[in-house]
Amino acid sequence: MSAAAGTIAGPRVTLRDPAARTRATALVVALAVLWPLLWLAEFKPWHLFDSGNLQVMASFLAGFLPPATAPEFLALLWKATLETLAIATAGIALAFVIAVPLAVVATRALSVSRIGPGPGRGVGAAVRTATRGLLTVLRAIPEVVWALVFVRALGLGPGAGVLALAVTYGGMLGKVYTEILESGDTRSARALLEAGSPRLGALFYALVPSTAQELASYTVYRWECAVRASVVMGFVGAGGLGQLMDQSMKMLNGGEASSILLTFLGLVIVADAMSALIRRVLS
């Protein structure tokens, strides 16, 4: 028998990507949608590389060097950093108090009325819808707007920033907590509810153990966002590093602004380390 006759023909290998047409179509659709949006936003990045613009940016950035290290300024920076941490931590703590009850009410997996038919099924659905609507309203209004409102009521200072973060981030945390709790396996929670367990029992013994890492990681991330948000609120008088940044920028003191930005970088690094530590502890 010849070698050709003894050769067993293998399956025919195709080099064509079966999803190529779908990906190409998605790319064309994305470009068709994105291009008008970029045009409306006047997105023209090539202007950054004009010789005049490059010179202006270079001279502006040069004003940030070297960072300010005067003892008097460092004392103010330390005080403002502690104030910012206090604003962010207190705001997230209050937001957590707002978010948890609303998330428990809005989570379908913790709804007793959904277990079986009954007169309370429609009422439960209406309550969940109203709660989700409240979460939407809370997070739809930016924290800087709430800060302006509370500054008018409480005056200048960190108290307005704490309340602004609590309201806006309460809506954000409640929305994401609800989605995280509903994204996992909810059969154990349903079994506990059918056995007569209260909602909190089903929450802490069925849903939280499987989603603790995601819940903790997102909470720490929101604390990091709260630290950054305090900068914007500081420009409207809510205290912290943002107010110090506003004063430095108005005085055209780039060295002080650079020191403040480096401090923010350090806070973000600390937040990342905290998130990683919490995930390791809960794993």
C-alpha atoms as a PDB file:
ATOM      1  CA  MET A   1       0.000   0.000   0.000  1.00  0.00           C
ATOM      2  CA  SER A   2       1.415   3.355  -0.946  1.00  0.00           C
ATOM      3  CA  ALA A   3       1.976   6.137   1.528  1.00  0.00           C
ATOM      4  CA  ALA A   4      -0.649   8.250  -0.244  1.00  0.00           C
ATOM      5  CA  ALA A   5      -3.216   5.470  -0.017  1.00  0.00           C
ATOM      6  CA  GLY A   6      -2.515   4.944   3.681  1.00  0.00           C
ATOM      7  CA  THR A   7      -2.963   8.583   4.587  1.00  0.00           C
ATOM      8  CA  ILE A   8      -6.118   9.261   6.607  1.00  0.00           C
ATOM      9  CA  ALA A   9      -7.757  12.520   5.657  1.00  0.00           C
ATOM     10  CA  GLY A  10      -8.288  14.691   8.730  1.00  0.00           C
ATOM     11  CA  PRO A  11     -11.020  17.236   9.309  1.00  0.00           C
ATOM     12  CA  ARG A  12     -10.837  20.314   7.162  1.00  0.00           C
ATOM     13  CA  VAL A  13      -9.533  23.274   9.144  1.00  0.00           C
ATOM     14  CA  THR A  14     -11.058  26.643   8.368  1.00  0.00           C
ATOM     15  CA  LEU A  15      -9.136  29.795   9.211  1.00  0.00           C
ATOM     16  CA  ARG A  16     -12.140  32.102   8.954  1.00  0.00           C
ATOM     17  CA  ASP A  17     -13.414  33.628  12.178  1.00  0.00           C
ATOM     18  CA  PRO A  18     -17.115  32.686  12.441  1.00  0.00           C
ATOM     19  CA  ALA A  19     -17.811  35.843  14.456  1.00  0.00           C
ATOM     20  CA  ALA A  20     -15.977  38.173  12.068  1.00  0.00           C
ATOM     21  CA  ARG A  21     -19.150  39.492  10.428  1.00  0.00           C
ATOM     22  CA  THR A  22     -20.794  40.163  13.796  1.00  0.00           C
ATOM     23  CA  ARG A  23     -17.756  41.990  15.117  1.00  0.00           C
ATOM     24  CA  ALA A  24     -17.399  44.038  11.956  1.00  0.00           C
ATOM     25  CA  THR A  25     -21.067  45.000  12.098  1.00  0.00           C
ATOM     26  CA  ALA A  26     -20.747  45.989  15.758  1.00  0.00           C
ATOM     27  CA  LEU A  27     -17.673  48.102  14.939  1.00  0.00           C
ATOM     28  CA  VAL A  28     -19.462  49.906  12.111  1.00  0.00           C
ATOM     29  CA  VAL A  29     -22.507  50.580  14.305  1.00  0.00           C
ATOM     30  CA  ALA A  30     -20.289  51.834  17.137  1.00  0.00           C
ATOM     31  CA  LEU A  31     -18.438  54.207  14.814  1.00  0.00           C
ATOM     32  CA  ALA A  32     -21.714  55.417  13.298  1.00  0.00           C
ATOM     33  CA  VAL A  33     -23.017  56.263  16.774  1.00  0.00           C
ATOM     34  CA  LEU A  34     -19.756  57.581  18.217  1.00  0.00           C
ATOM     35  CA  TRP A  35     -18.735  59.903  15.398  1.00  0.00           C
ATOM     36  CA  PRO A  36     -21.733  62.295  15.678  1.00  0.00           C
ATOM     37  CA  LEU A  37     -21.264  62.372  19.461  1.00  0.00           C
ATOM     38  CA  LEU A  38     -17.598  63.308  19.079  1.00  0.00           C
ATOM     39  CA  TRP A  39     -18.569  65.983  16.578  1.00  0.00           C
ATOM     40  CA  LEU A  40     -21.186  67.424  18.956  1.00  0.00           C
ATOM     41  CA  ALA A  41     -18.639  67.390  21.789  1.00  0.00           C
ATOM     42  CA  GLU A  42     -16.165  69.297  19.564  1.00  0.00           C
ATOM     43  CA  PHE A  43     -13.564  66.599  20.180  1.00  0.00           C
ATOM     44  CA  LYS A  44     -10.499  67.763  18.262  1.00  0.00           C
ATOM     45  CA  PRO A  45      -7.430  66.224  19.928  1.00  0.00           C
ATOM     46  CA  TRP A  46      -5.107  67.229  17.081  1.00  0.00           C
ATOM     47  CA  HIS A  47      -5.293  70.819  18.336  1.00  0.00           C
ATOM     48  CA  LEU A  48      -3.274  69.709  21.369  1.00  0.00           C
ATOM     49  CA  PHE A  49      -0.241  69.244  19.159  1.00  0.00           C
ATOM     50  CA  ASP A  50      -0.245  72.739  17.692  1.00  0.00           C
ATOM     51  CA  SER A  51       3.016  74.486  18.490  1.00  0.00           C
ATOM     52  CA  GLY A  52       1.312  77.355  20.282  1.00  0.00           C
ATOM     53  CA  ASN A  53      -0.875  75.079  22.415  1.00  0.00           C
ATOM     54  CA  LEU A  54       2.066  72.848  23.340  1.00  0.00           C
ATOM     55  CA  GLN A  55       4.023  75.876  24.527  1.00  0.00           C
ATOM     56  CA  VAL A  56       1.086  77.107  26.609  1.00  0.00           C
ATOM     57  CA  MET A  57       0.595  73.700  28.236  1.00  0.00           C
ATOM     58  CA  ALA A  58       4.299  73.317  28.916  1.00  0.00           C
ATOM     59  CA  SER A  59       4.529  76.718  30.616  1.00  0.00           C
ATOM     60  CA  PHE A  60       1.403  75.960  32.654  1.00  0.00           C
ATOM     61  CA  LEU A  61       2.716  72.571  33.829  1.00  0.00           C
ATOM     62  CA  ALA A  62       6.107  74.062  34.625  1.00  0.00           C
ATOM     63  CA  GLY A  63       4.396  76.250  37.201  1.00  0.00           C
ATOM     64  CA  PHE A  64       3.545  73.120  39.210  1.00  0.00           C
ATOM     65  CA  LEU A  65       7.222  72.367  39.859  1.00  0.00           C
ATOM     66  CA  PRO A  66       8.634  72.082  42.394  1.00  0.00           C
ATOM     67  CA  PRO A  67       5.871  71.091  44.852  1.00  0.00           C
ATOM     68  CA  ALA A  68       5.439  73.430  47.794  1.00  0.00           C
ATOM     69  CA  THR A  69       7.152  72.223  50.988  1.00  0.00           C
ATOM     70  CA  ALA A  70       6.914  75.268  53.250  1.00  0.00           C
ATOM     71  CA  PRO A  71       6.160  74.211  56.856  1.00  0.00           C
ATOM     72  CA  GLU A  72       3.194  76.584  57.118  1.00  0.00           C
ATOM     73  CA  PHE A  73       1.628  75.191  53.956  1.00  0.00           C
ATOM     74  CA  LEU A  74       2.306  71.583  54.943  1.00  0.00           C
ATOM     75  CA  ALA A  75       0.482  72.213  58.219  1.00  0.00           C
ATOM     76  CA  LEU A  76      -2.528  73.517  56.276  1.00  0.00           C
ATOM     77  CA  LEU A  77      -2.261  70.559  53.881  1.00  0.00           C
ATOM     78  CA  TRP A  78      -2.252  68.065  56.737  1.00  0.00           C
ATOM     79  CA  LYS A  79      -5.309  69.680  58.328  1.00  0.00           C
ATOM     80  CA  ALA A  80      -7.155  69.750  54.998  1.00  0.00           C
ATOM     81  CA  THR A  81      -6.235  66.099  54.335  1.00  0.00           C
ATOM     82  CA  LEU A  82      -7.681  65.014  57.680  1.00  0.00           C
ATOM     83  CA  GLU A  83     -10.774  67.089  56.948  1.00  0.00           C
ATOM     84  CA  THR A  84     -11.168  65.459  53.536  1.00  0.00           C
ATOM     85  CA  LEU A  85     -10.815  61.974  55.020  1.00  0.00           C
ATOM     86  CA  ALA A  86     -13.386  62.878  57.650  1.00  0.00           C
ATOM     87  CA  ILE A  87     -15.806  64.195  55.019  1.00  0.00           C
ATOM     88  CA  ALA A  88     -15.424  61.125  52.801  1.00  0.00           C
ATOM     89  CA  THR A  89     -15.640  58.603  55.655  1.00  0.00           C
ATOM     90  CA  ALA A  90     -18.573  60.242  57.399  1.00  0.00           C
ATOM     91  CA  GLY A  91     -20.377  60.728  54.085  1.00  0.00           C
ATOM     92  CA  ILE A  92     -19.929  57.077  53.093  1.00  0.00           C
ATOM     93  CA  ALA A  93     -21.010  55.930  56.563  1.00  0.00           C
ATOM     94  CA  LEU A  94     -24.248  57.920  56.307  1.00  0.00           C
ATOM     95  CA  ALA A  95     -24.703  56.773  52.705  1.00  0.00           C
ATOM     96  CA  PHE A  96     -24.355  53.167  53.910  1.00  0.00           C
ATOM     97  CA  VAL A  97     -27.075  53.775  56.508  1.00  0.00           C
ATOM     98  CA  ILE A  98     -29.331  55.125  53.752  1.00  0.00           C
ATOM     99  CA  ALA A  99     -28.453  52.480  51.154  1.00  0.00           C
ATOM    100  CA  VAL A 100     -28.800  49.246  53.132  1.00  0.00           C
ATOM    101  CA  PRO A 101     -32.505  49.570  54.107  1.00  0.00           C
ATOM    102  CA  LEU A 102     -33.423  50.768  50.623  1.00  0.00           C
ATOM    103  CA  ALA A 103     -31.458  47.911  49.024  1.00  0.00           C
ATOM    104  CA  VAL A 104     -33.196  45.348  51.254  1.00  0.00           C
ATOM    105  CA  VAL A 105     -36.599  46.695  50.226  1.00  0.00           C
ATOM    106  CA  ALA A 106     -35.676  46.945  46.525  1.00  0.00           C
ATOM    107  CA  THR A 107     -34.110  43.465  46.217  1.00  0.00           C
ATOM    108  CA  ARG A 108     -36.595  41.056  44.668  1.00  0.00           C
ATOM    109  CA  ALA A 109     -34.837  38.026  46.137  1.00  0.00           C
ATOM    110  CA  LEU A 110     -35.720  39.297  49.642  1.00  0.00           C
ATOM    111  CA  SER A 111     -39.376  39.944  48.878  1.00  0.00           C
ATOM    112  CA  VAL A 112     -41.718  37.791  50.969  1.00  0.00           C
ATOM    113  CA  SER A 113     -44.694  38.715  48.766  1.00  0.00           C
ATOM    114  CA  ARG A 114     -43.093  37.029  45.733  1.00  0.00           C
ATOM    115  CA  ILE A 115     -43.058  33.581  47.375  1.00  0.00           C
ATOM    116  CA  GLY A 116     -46.612  32.775  46.408  1.00  0.00           C
ATOM    117  CA  PRO A 117     -49.917  34.258  45.320  1.00  0.00           C
ATOM    118  CA  GLY A 118     -51.598  36.586  47.732  1.00  0.00           C
ATOM    119  CA  PRO A 119     -53.074  40.049  48.202  1.00  0.00           C
ATOM    120  CA  GLY A 120     -49.696  41.541  49.101  1.00  0.00           C
ATOM    121  CA  ARG A 121     -47.977  40.690  45.824  1.00  0.00           C
ATOM    122  CA  GLY A 122     -49.088  43.852  44.019  1.00  0.00           C
ATOM    123  CA  VAL A 123     -48.348  46.044  47.035  1.00  0.00           C
ATOM    124  CA  GLY A 124     -44.852  44.573  47.320  1.00  0.00           C
ATOM    125  CA  ALA A 125     -44.145  45.235  43.649  1.00  0.00           C
ATOM    126  CA  ALA A 126     -45.340  48.821  44.022  1.00  0.00           C
ATOM    127  CA  VAL A 127     -43.130  49.366  47.088  1.00  0.00           C
ATOM    128  CA  ARG A 128     -40.087  47.972  45.272  1.00  0.00           C
ATOM    129  CA  THR A 129     -40.774  50.190  42.259  1.00  0.00           C
ATOM    130  CA  ALA A 130     -41.135  53.267  44.456  1.00  0.00           C
ATOM    131  CA  THR A 131     -37.908  52.412  46.305  1.00  0.00           C
ATOM    132  CA  ARG A 132     -35.997  51.999  43.047  1.00  0.00           C
ATOM    133  CA  GLY A 133     -37.397  55.339  41.902  1.00  0.00           C
ATOM    134  CA  LEU A 134     -36.171  56.971  45.116  1.00  0.00           C
ATOM    135  CA  LEU A 135     -32.697  55.519  44.539  1.00  0.00           C
ATOM    136  CA  THR A 136     -32.759  56.953  41.020  1.00  0.00           C
ATOM    137  CA  VAL A 137     -33.661  60.414  42.294  1.00  0.00           C
ATOM    138  CA  LEU A 138     -30.943  60.352  44.964  1.00  0.00           C
ATOM    139  CA  ARG A 139     -28.142  59.425  42.596  1.00  0.00           C
ATOM    140  CA  ALA A 140     -29.387  61.479  39.635  1.00  0.00           C
ATOM    141  CA  ILE A 141     -28.634  64.818  41.316  1.00  0.00           C
ATOM    142  CA  PRO A 142     -24.838  65.436  41.448  1.00  0.00           C
ATOM    143  CA  GLU A 143     -23.241  65.816  44.850  1.00  0.00           C
ATOM    144  CA  VAL A 144     -22.027  69.313  43.979  1.00  0.00           C
ATOM    145  CA  VAL A 145     -25.654  70.432  43.601  1.00  0.00           C
ATOM    146  CA  TRP A 146     -26.540  68.967  46.986  1.00  0.00           C
ATOM    147  CA  ALA A 147     -23.430  70.684  48.387  1.00  0.00           C
ATOM    148  CA  LEU A 148     -24.671  74.047  47.109  1.00  0.00           C
ATOM    149  CA  VAL A 149     -28.046  73.419  48.759  1.00  0.00           C
ATOM    150  CA  PHE A 150     -26.548  72.390  52.092  1.00  0.00           C
ATOM    151  CA  VAL A 151     -24.013  75.234  52.055  1.00  0.00           C
ATOM    152  CA  ARG A 152     -26.938  77.639  51.830  1.00  0.00           C
ATOM    153  CA  ALA A 153     -28.599  75.898  54.780  1.00  0.00           C
ATOM    154  CA  LEU A 154     -25.578  75.124  57.003  1.00  0.00           C
ATOM    155  CA  GLY A 155     -23.016  77.675  55.831  1.00  0.00           C
ATOM    156  CA  LEU A 156     -19.476  77.078  54.611  1.00  0.00           C
ATOM    157  CA  GLY A 157     -17.726  74.038  56.035  1.00  0.00           C
ATOM    158  CA  PRO A 158     -17.383  70.266  55.836  1.00  0.00           C
ATOM    159  CA  GLY A 159     -20.872  69.540  57.180  1.00  0.00           C
ATOM    160  CA  ALA A 160     -22.412  70.416  53.813  1.00  0.00           C
ATOM    161  CA  GLY A 161     -19.997  68.055  52.058  1.00  0.00           C
ATOM    162  CA  VAL A 162     -20.866  65.169  54.383  1.00  0.00           C
ATOM    163  CA  LEU A 163     -24.592  65.523  53.754  1.00  0.00           C
ATOM    164  CA  ALA A 164     -24.096  65.946  49.996  1.00  0.00           C
ATOM    165  CA  LEU A 165     -22.073  62.728  49.804  1.00  0.00           C
ATOM    166  CA  ALA A 166     -24.563  60.891  52.018  1.00  0.00           C
ATOM    167  CA  VAL A 167     -27.519  61.701  49.774  1.00  0.00           C
ATOM    168  CA  THR A 168     -25.923  61.070  46.373  1.00  0.00           C
ATOM    169  CA  TYR A 169     -23.805  58.087  47.360  1.00  0.00           C
ATOM    170  CA  GLY A 170     -26.693  56.604  49.314  1.00  0.00           C
ATOM    171  CA  GLY A 171     -28.541  56.302  46.017  1.00  0.00           C
ATOM    172  CA  MET A 172     -25.491  54.896  44.247  1.00  0.00           C
ATOM    173  CA  LEU A 173     -24.706  52.331  46.930  1.00  0.00           C
ATOM    174  CA  GLY A 174     -28.331  51.259  47.209  1.00  0.00           C
ATOM    175  CA  LYS A 175     -28.626  50.746  43.447  1.00  0.00           C
ATOM    176  CA  VAL A 176     -25.424  48.708  43.135  1.00  0.00           C
ATOM    177  CA  TYR A 177     -26.062  46.732  46.325  1.00  0.00           C
ATOM    178  CA  THR A 178     -29.418  45.697  44.886  1.00  0.00           C
ATOM    179  CA  GLU A 179     -27.857  44.565  41.610  1.00  0.00           C
ATOM    180  CA  ILE A 180     -25.080  42.648  43.380  1.00  0.00           C
ATOM    181  CA  LEU A 181     -27.513  40.850  45.687  1.00  0.00           C
ATOM    182  CA  GLU A 182     -29.745  39.883  42.764  1.00  0.00           C
ATOM    183  CA  SER A 183     -26.912  38.773  40.474  1.00  0.00           C
ATOM    184  CA  GLY A 184     -25.913  35.720  42.503  1.00  0.00           C
ATOM    185  CA  ASP A 185     -27.672  32.472  43.378  1.00  0.00           C
ATOM    186  CA  THR A 186     -30.827  33.485  45.258  1.00  0.00           C
ATOM    187  CA  ARG A 187     -32.277  30.007  45.778  1.00  0.00           C
ATOM    188  CA  SER A 188     -30.974  29.738  49.322  1.00  0.00           C
ATOM    189  CA  ALA A 189     -32.557  33.076  50.230  1.00  0.00           C
ATOM    190  CA  ARG A 190     -35.881  31.944  48.814  1.00  0.00           C
ATOM    191  CA  ALA A 191     -35.656  28.694  50.764  1.00  0.00           C
ATOM    192  CA  LEU A 192     -35.073  30.580  54.016  1.00  0.00           C
ATOM    193  CA  LEU A 193     -37.978  32.926  53.322  1.00  0.00           C
ATOM    194  CA  GLU A 194     -40.269  29.999  52.569  1.00  0.00           C
ATOM    195  CA  ALA A 195     -39.205  28.418  55.872  1.00  0.00           C
ATOM    196  CA  GLY A 196     -40.320  31.530  57.747  1.00  0.00           C
ATOM    197  CA  SER A 197     -36.995  33.372  58.069  1.00  0.00           C
ATOM    198  CA  PRO A 198     -37.142  37.175  58.254  1.00  0.00           C
ATOM    199  CA  ARG A 199     -35.607  39.257  55.480  1.00  0.00           C
ATOM    200  CA  LEU A 200     -32.496  40.122  57.470  1.00  0.00           C
ATOM    201  CA  GLY A 201     -31.891  36.438  58.173  1.00  0.00           C
ATOM    202  CA  ALA A 202     -32.100  35.614  54.464  1.00  0.00           C
ATOM    203  CA  LEU A 203     -29.863  38.580  53.724  1.00  0.00           C
ATOM    204  CA  PHE A 204     -27.049  37.780  56.158  1.00  0.00           C
ATOM    205  CA  TYR A 205     -27.134  33.986  55.914  1.00  0.00           C
ATOM    206  CA  ALA A 206     -27.873  33.489  52.208  1.00  0.00           C
ATOM    207  CA  LEU A 207     -26.945  36.510  50.075  1.00  0.00           C
ATOM    208  CA  VAL A 208     -24.182  38.347  51.920  1.00  0.00           C
ATOM    209  CA  PRO A 209     -21.750  35.392  52.295  1.00  0.00           C
ATOM    210  CA  SER A 210     -21.589  34.862  48.515  1.00  0.00           C
ATOM    211  CA  THR A 211     -21.397  38.563  47.611  1.00  0.00           C
ATOM    212  CA  ALA A 212     -19.328  39.991  50.496  1.00  0.00           C
ATOM    213  CA  GLN A 213     -16.227  40.589  48.364  1.00  0.00           C
ATOM    214  CA  GLU A 214     -18.111  42.546  45.718  1.00  0.00           C
ATOM    215  CA  LEU A 215     -20.056  44.559  48.292  1.00  0.00           C
ATOM    216  CA  ALA A 216     -16.936  45.479  50.256  1.00  0.00           C
ATOM    217  CA  SER A 217     -14.878  46.243  47.145  1.00  0.00           C
ATOM    218  CA  TYR A 218     -17.544  48.547  45.734  1.00  0.00           C
ATOM    219  CA  THR A 219     -17.979  50.318  49.079  1.00  0.00           C
ATOM    220  CA  VAL A 220     -14.239  51.032  49.306  1.00  0.00           C
ATOM    221  CA  TYR A 221     -14.283  52.204  45.683  1.00  0.00           C
ATOM    222  CA  ARG A 222     -17.103  54.620  46.499  1.00  0.00           C
ATOM    223  CA  TRP A 223     -15.082  55.897  49.459  1.00  0.00           C
ATOM    224  CA  GLU A 224     -12.242  56.594  47.023  1.00  0.00           C
ATOM    225  CA  CYS A 225     -14.695  58.414  44.750  1.00  0.00           C
ATOM    226  CA  ALA A 226     -15.929  60.394  47.748  1.00  0.00           C
ATOM    227  CA  VAL A 227     -12.379  61.572  48.426  1.00  0.00           C
ATOM    228  CA  ARG A 228     -12.106  62.810  44.840  1.00  0.00           C
ATOM    229  CA  ALA A 229     -15.592  64.328  44.931  1.00  0.00           C
ATOM    230  CA  SER A 230     -14.600  66.409  47.932  1.00  0.00           C
ATOM    231  CA  VAL A 231     -12.305  68.374  45.613  1.00  0.00           C
ATOM    232  CA  VAL A 232     -15.205  69.582  43.512  1.00  0.00           C
ATOM    233  CA  MET A 233     -17.346  70.300  46.551  1.00  0.00           C
ATOM    234  CA  GLY A 234     -14.491  72.230  48.107  1.00  0.00           C
ATOM    235  CA  PHE A 235     -14.747  74.732  45.251  1.00  0.00           C
ATOM    236  CA  VAL A 236     -18.267  75.610  46.460  1.00  0.00           C
ATOM    237  CA  GLY A 237     -17.186  75.984  50.084  1.00  0.00           C
ATOM    238  CA  ALA A 238     -17.578  72.459  51.468  1.00  0.00           C
ATOM    239  CA  GLY A 239     -14.084  72.419  53.005  1.00  0.00           C
ATOM    240  CA  GLY A 240     -11.246  69.913  52.761  1.00  0.00           C
ATOM    241  CA  LEU A 241      -8.508  69.681  50.166  1.00  0.00           C
ATOM    242  CA  GLY A 242     -10.814  71.044  47.494  1.00  0.00           C
ATOM    243  CA  GLN A 243     -11.171  74.364  49.253  1.00  0.00           C
ATOM    244  CA  LEU A 244      -7.397  74.541  49.722  1.00  0.00           C
ATOM    245  CA  MET A 245      -6.950  73.713  46.029  1.00  0.00           C
ATOM    246  CA  ASP A 246      -9.369  76.495  45.109  1.00  0.00           C
ATOM    247  CA  GLN A 247      -7.365  78.998  47.124  1.00  0.00           C
ATOM    248  CA  SER A 248      -4.060  77.860  45.606  1.00  0.00           C
ATOM    249  CA  MET A 249      -5.392  78.025  42.039  1.00  0.00           C
ATOM    250  CA  LYS A 250      -6.840  81.487  42.608  1.00  0.00           C
ATOM    251  CA  MET A 251      -3.447  82.641  43.863  1.00  0.00           C
ATOM    252  CA  LEU A 252      -1.796  81.007  40.808  1.00  0.00           C
ATOM    253  CA  ASN A 253       0.408  78.987  43.140  1.00  0.00           C
ATOM    254  CA  GLY A 254       1.164  75.863  41.095  1.00  0.00           C
ATOM    255  CA  GLY A 255       3.583  74.458  43.676  1.00  0.00           C
ATOM    256  CA  GLU A 256       0.850  74.254  46.304  1.00  0.00           C
ATOM    257  CA  ALA A 257      -1.556  72.732  43.781  1.00  0.00           C
ATOM    258  CA  SER A 258       1.075  70.123  42.907  1.00  0.00           C
ATOM    259  CA  SER A 259       1.486  69.150  46.572  1.00  0.00           C
ATOM    260  CA  ILE A 260      -2.282  68.810  46.907  1.00  0.00           C
ATOM    261  CA  LEU A 261      -2.460  66.585  43.812  1.00  0.00           C
ATOM    262  CA  LEU A 262       0.334  64.386  45.164  1.00  0.00           C
ATOM    263  CA  THR A 263      -1.637  64.049  48.383  1.00  0.00           C
ATOM    264  CA  PHE A 264      -4.659  62.895  46.406  1.00  0.00           C
ATOM    265  CA  LEU A 265      -2.488  60.348  44.638  1.00  0.00           C
ATOM    266  CA  GLY A 266      -1.390  58.999  48.004  1.00  0.00           C
ATOM    267  CA  LEU A 267      -4.992  58.729  49.192  1.00  0.00           C
ATOM    268  CA  VAL A 268      -5.972  56.779  46.072  1.00  0.00           C
ATOM    269  CA  ILE A 269      -3.057  54.372  46.616  1.00  0.00           C
ATOM    270  CA  VAL A 270      -4.189  53.863  50.215  1.00  0.00           C
ATOM    271  CA  ALA A 271      -7.741  53.168  49.022  1.00  0.00           C
ATOM    272  CA  ASP A 272      -6.480  50.551  46.542  1.00  0.00           C
ATOM    273  CA  ALA A 273      -4.468  48.862  49.289  1.00  0.00           C
ATOM    274  CA  MET A 274      -7.492  48.838  51.590  1.00  0.00           C
ATOM    275  CA  SER A 275      -9.658  47.282  48.886  1.00  0.00           C
ATOM    276  CA  ALA A 276      -7.108  44.540  48.212  1.00  0.00           C
ATOM    277  CA  LEU A 277      -6.737  43.830  51.961  1.00  0.00           C
ATOM    278  CA  ILE A 278     -10.489  43.585  52.485  1.00  0.00           C
ATOM    279  CA  ARG A 279     -10.882  41.223  49.534  1.00  0.00           C
ATOM    280  CA  ARG A 280      -8.124  38.979  50.945  1.00  0.00           C
ATOM    281  CA  VAL A 281      -9.744  38.946  54.380  1.00  0.00           C
ATOM    282  CA  LEU A 282     -13.180  38.071  52.957  1.00  0.00           C
ATOM    283  CA  SER A 283     -11.890  35.452  50.498  1.00  0.00           C
END
